[in-house]
Amino acid sequence: MNVRLQTQLFVSYISSFSAHSYGYELSNEPKSDLKLLAIRIQDKILEELNEHSRNLHIPRSEYIRQAVIVMNKQVDRELRRKRIMEASRRIRAESMRVNAEFDSIEDAPNV
């Protein structure tokens, strides 16, 4: 597969995960609202970051902002999923108790 086709496929793929799909308009934010963040990153990851941001025709900092937003949303979804599962587990136990009570009432002789 040639590089141009790979880039087109990647752009299509990454656009479905972009920060903009989460309702963020990063380019409209005032520069004064942005904070500086310094990170340490392995050379291989930095090379991939540079290549991807270049292929997407966006600044490296924009690419990183979008990646952070997407990751935050994924973490939020996972935490919400865990809370729902825990609530479901608690409700299931209570539901089983109530069902058992109804079963005992249905089996009881009419008084």
Protein backbone atom coordinates (compact mmCIF):
# COMPACT_ATOMS: atom_id res chain seq x y z
CA MET A 1 0.00 0.00 0.00
CA ASN A 2 1.47 3.34 -0.97
CA VAL A 3 2.02 6.16 1.51
CA ARG A 4 -0.65 8.41 0.01
CA LEU A 5 -3.34 5.73 0.34
CA GLN A 6 -2.20 4.94 3.89
CA THR A 7 -2.45 8.62 4.77
CA GLN A 8 -5.95 8.90 3.29
CA LEU A 9 -7.10 5.82 5.19
CA PHE A 10 -5.56 7.12 8.39
CA VAL A 11 -7.18 10.55 8.01
CA SER A 12 -10.57 8.89 7.51
CA TYR A 13 -10.00 6.65 10.52
CA ILE A 14 -8.72 9.35 12.87
CA SER A 15 -11.46 11.81 11.92
CA SER A 16 -14.01 9.50 13.53
CA PHE A 17 -12.12 9.89 16.83
CA SER A 18 -11.36 13.59 16.59
CA ALA A 19 -11.97 15.98 19.44
CA HIS A 20 -14.35 17.88 17.20
CA SER A 21 -16.68 14.88 17.17
CA TYR A 22 -16.93 15.36 20.95
CA GLY A 23 -18.11 18.95 20.57
CA TYR A 24 -14.78 20.70 21.08
CA GLU A 25 -13.73 23.51 18.77
CA LEU A 26 -10.09 23.77 19.74
CA SER A 27 -9.01 26.25 17.11
CA ASN A 28 -11.51 28.83 18.43
CA GLU A 29 -10.09 28.87 21.96
CA PRO A 30 -8.26 32.06 22.94
CA LYS A 31 -4.53 31.50 23.32
CA SER A 32 -4.68 33.04 26.79
CA ASP A 33 -6.84 30.12 27.98
CA LEU A 34 -4.22 27.57 26.97
CA LYS A 35 -1.70 26.28 29.50
CA LEU A 36 1.81 25.11 28.76
CA LEU A 37 2.54 21.45 29.42
CA ALA A 38 5.98 19.85 29.21
CA ILE A 39 6.18 16.07 28.79
CA ARG A 40 8.85 13.47 28.35
CA ILE A 41 8.19 11.11 25.48
CA GLN A 42 10.09 8.26 23.83
CA ASP A 43 11.69 8.95 20.45
CA LYS A 44 9.54 6.35 18.67
CA ILE A 45 6.30 7.90 19.95
CA LEU A 46 7.52 11.39 19.04
CA GLU A 47 8.36 10.23 15.51
CA GLU A 48 4.86 8.75 15.14
CA LEU A 49 3.32 11.91 16.57
CA ASN A 50 5.23 14.08 14.11
CA GLU A 51 4.33 11.85 11.18
CA HIS A 52 0.63 11.69 12.04
CA SER A 53 0.25 15.39 12.69
CA ARG A 54 2.07 16.12 9.42
CA ASN A 55 -0.18 13.69 7.52
CA LEU A 56 -3.28 15.27 9.05
CA HIS A 57 -1.99 18.77 8.28
CA ILE A 58 -2.47 19.94 11.84
CA PRO A 59 0.05 21.33 14.33
CA ARG A 60 1.59 18.84 16.70
CA SER A 61 0.05 20.60 19.71
CA GLU A 62 -3.42 20.33 18.13
CA TYR A 63 -2.86 16.62 17.55
CA ILE A 64 -1.88 16.16 21.20
CA ARG A 65 -4.89 18.19 22.43
CA GLN A 66 -7.22 16.03 20.34
CA ALA A 67 -5.56 12.85 21.60
CA VAL A 68 -6.00 13.97 25.22
CA ILE A 69 -9.66 14.85 24.65
CA VAL A 70 -10.35 11.50 23.01
CA MET A 71 -8.55 9.63 25.81
CA ASN A 72 -10.44 11.60 28.49
CA LYS A 73 -13.74 10.68 26.83
CA GLN A 74 -12.75 7.01 26.67
CA VAL A 75 -11.83 7.03 30.37
CA ASP A 76 -15.10 8.79 31.23
CA ARG A 77 -17.04 6.15 29.26
CA GLU A 78 -15.22 3.31 31.00
CA LEU A 79 -15.82 4.81 34.46
CA ARG A 80 -19.52 5.31 33.62
CA ARG A 81 -19.73 1.71 32.38
CA LYS A 82 -18.24 0.45 35.65
CA ARG A 83 -20.66 2.57 37.73
CA ILE A 84 -23.62 1.24 35.74
CA MET A 85 -22.42 -2.35 36.13
CA GLU A 86 -22.02 -1.90 39.90
CA ALA A 87 -25.48 -0.32 40.20
CA SER A 88 -26.91 -3.14 38.11
CA ARG A 89 -25.26 -5.71 40.37
CA ARG A 90 -26.74 -4.06 43.49
CA ILE A 91 -30.18 -3.76 41.92
CA ARG A 92 -30.05 -7.38 40.74
CA ALA A 93 -29.51 -8.60 44.31
CA GLU A 94 -32.42 -6.49 45.57
CA SER A 95 -34.59 -7.63 42.68
CA MET A 96 -33.88 -11.28 43.50
CA ARG A 97 -34.88 -10.65 47.14
CA VAL A 98 -38.17 -9.00 46.07
CA ASN A 99 -38.88 -11.84 43.61
CA ALA A 100 -38.34 -14.37 46.40
CA GLU A 101 -40.83 -12.50 48.59
CA PHE A 102 -43.41 -12.53 45.80
CA ASP A 103 -42.83 -16.24 45.27
CA SER A 104 -43.50 -16.92 48.94
CA ILE A 105 -46.70 -14.84 48.80
CA GLU A 106 -47.94 -16.62 45.67
CA ASP A 107 -47.34 -20.02 47.28
CA ALA A 108 -49.03 -19.04 50.55
CA PRO A 109 -52.55 -20.33 51.15
CA ASN A 110 -55.32 -17.76 50.81
CA VAL A 111 -56.23 -16.32 54.14
